[in-house]
Amino acid sequence: MRQRQPACCSRNGGVLLRSLALAASSPRRAQRDDGLWEITGQFAASPNVTGLSVGDITGIDKKGWEYLWVLYQDTEDTSAAALVKRPVAAYVERVYDSGNFGSLVVA
């Protein structure tokens, strides 16, 4: 299930808006004398990764907040006389909807 928390991506990675809150402990104290409100935002960053390899699967590209998961298959290793896990597919999933933080007015 995709989260509704907005994430924004740049060339180097993704920025996730973790939370927005009034800057004061009381809503009445958060409003300044000029009528504007003080809001505190928490952000997190995650770098983009390119050229990942998992076993024989190569060329995997993943943006910052995307999720990479791998499907493995049991394969017999005759030299070790054991079953081993071999990656057969790699999937990159979008976890957060992307957005544009340009609409946030920061003064």
Protein backbone atom coordinates (compact mmCIF):
# COMPACT_ATOMS: atom_id res chain seq x y z
CA MET A 1 0.00 0.00 0.00
CA ARG A 2 1.40 3.39 -0.96
CA GLN A 3 1.77 6.01 1.75
CA ARG A 4 0.18 9.45 1.32
CA GLN A 5 3.09 11.31 2.85
CA PRO A 6 4.64 13.48 0.15
CA ALA A 7 8.16 12.85 -1.06
CA CYS A 8 10.13 14.95 -3.47
CA CYS A 9 12.99 13.75 -5.59
CA SER A 10 16.01 15.60 -6.86
CA ARG A 11 18.87 14.44 -9.07
CA ASN A 12 20.79 13.18 -6.02
CA GLY A 13 18.03 11.70 -3.92
CA GLY A 14 14.65 12.02 -2.35
CA VAL A 15 13.43 14.27 0.42
CA LEU A 16 10.60 13.04 2.62
CA LEU A 17 8.35 15.39 4.56
CA ARG A 18 8.04 13.54 7.87
CA SER A 19 5.88 16.01 9.78
CA LEU A 20 4.61 19.57 10.07
CA ALA A 21 3.68 21.05 13.43
CA LEU A 22 2.91 24.38 15.00
CA ALA A 23 6.15 25.74 16.41
CA ALA A 24 4.71 26.57 19.83
CA SER A 25 3.18 24.30 22.44
CA SER A 26 -0.11 26.20 22.16
CA PRO A 27 -1.83 27.25 18.90
CA ARG A 28 -2.34 30.74 20.33
CA ARG A 29 1.42 31.14 20.82
CA ALA A 30 2.27 29.91 17.30
CA GLN A 31 0.64 32.92 15.64
CA ARG A 32 3.06 35.82 15.45
CA ASP A 33 2.23 39.50 15.96
CA ASP A 34 2.22 40.01 12.17
CA GLY A 35 -0.56 37.41 11.77
CA LEU A 36 1.70 34.72 10.29
CA TRP A 37 2.03 31.27 11.83
CA GLU A 38 5.26 29.56 12.84
CA ILE A 39 5.39 25.98 11.64
CA THR A 40 8.18 23.46 12.17
CA GLY A 41 8.88 20.84 9.52
CA GLN A 42 10.86 17.63 9.78
CA PHE A 43 12.43 16.26 6.63
CA ALA A 44 14.51 13.18 5.85
CA ALA A 45 16.76 12.54 2.85
CA SER A 46 17.69 9.31 1.07
CA PRO A 47 20.18 9.14 -1.82
CA ASN A 48 19.42 7.72 -5.24
CA VAL A 49 21.37 4.57 -6.12
CA THR A 50 22.27 3.40 -9.63
CA GLY A 51 23.95 0.32 -11.00
CA LEU A 52 23.08 -2.02 -8.13
CA SER A 53 23.69 -5.73 -8.55
CA VAL A 54 22.09 -8.67 -6.76
CA GLY A 55 23.58 -11.96 -7.86
CA ASP A 56 23.44 -12.08 -11.66
CA ILE A 57 20.86 -9.27 -11.81
CA THR A 58 22.62 -6.01 -12.72
CA GLY A 59 21.76 -2.44 -13.65
CA ILE A 60 19.23 -1.83 -10.87
CA ASP A 61 18.42 1.86 -10.31
CA LYS A 62 16.51 3.01 -7.24
CA LYS A 63 15.41 6.53 -6.30
CA GLY A 64 15.85 7.63 -2.69
CA TRP A 65 12.64 6.47 -1.00
CA GLU A 66 11.78 3.63 -3.37
CA TYR A 67 11.96 0.09 -1.97
CA LEU A 68 14.03 -2.68 -3.55
CA TRP A 69 13.04 -6.27 -2.94
CA VAL A 70 14.38 -9.46 -4.43
CA LEU A 71 12.66 -12.76 -5.26
CA TYR A 72 14.85 -15.77 -4.53
CA GLN A 73 14.55 -19.35 -5.72
CA ASP A 74 16.00 -22.44 -4.06
CA THR A 75 18.73 -23.93 -6.23
CA GLU A 76 20.85 -27.01 -5.57
CA ASP A 77 24.56 -26.36 -5.18
CA THR A 78 26.01 -29.75 -6.12
CA SER A 79 29.56 -28.91 -5.03
CA ALA A 80 28.35 -28.04 -1.50
CA ALA A 81 25.54 -30.62 -1.52
CA ALA A 82 23.13 -27.98 -0.24
CA LEU A 83 20.21 -25.82 -1.29
CA VAL A 84 21.10 -22.16 -1.82
CA LYS A 85 19.00 -19.10 -2.56
CA ARG A 86 19.51 -17.60 -6.03
CA PRO A 87 18.00 -14.22 -6.97
CA VAL A 88 15.64 -14.58 -9.93
CA ALA A 89 14.01 -11.12 -9.99
CA ALA A 90 14.50 -7.68 -8.48
CA TYR A 91 11.67 -5.19 -8.08
CA VAL A 92 11.76 -1.48 -7.28
CA GLU A 93 8.53 -0.19 -5.72
CA ARG A 94 7.34 3.36 -5.15
CA VAL A 95 6.40 3.71 -1.48
CA TYR A 96 5.46 7.41 -1.30
CA ASP A 97 3.60 9.57 -3.80
CA SER A 98 5.91 12.22 -5.18
CA GLY A 99 5.20 15.92 -4.85
CA ASN A 100 6.76 19.32 -5.27
CA PHE A 101 7.94 21.17 -2.20
CA GLY A 102 8.05 24.37 -4.27
CA SER A 103 4.53 25.18 -3.09
CA LEU A 104 5.77 25.46 0.52
CA VAL A 105 6.29 29.12 1.32
CA VAL A 106 9.38 29.47 3.46
CA ALA A 107 10.21 32.95 4.76
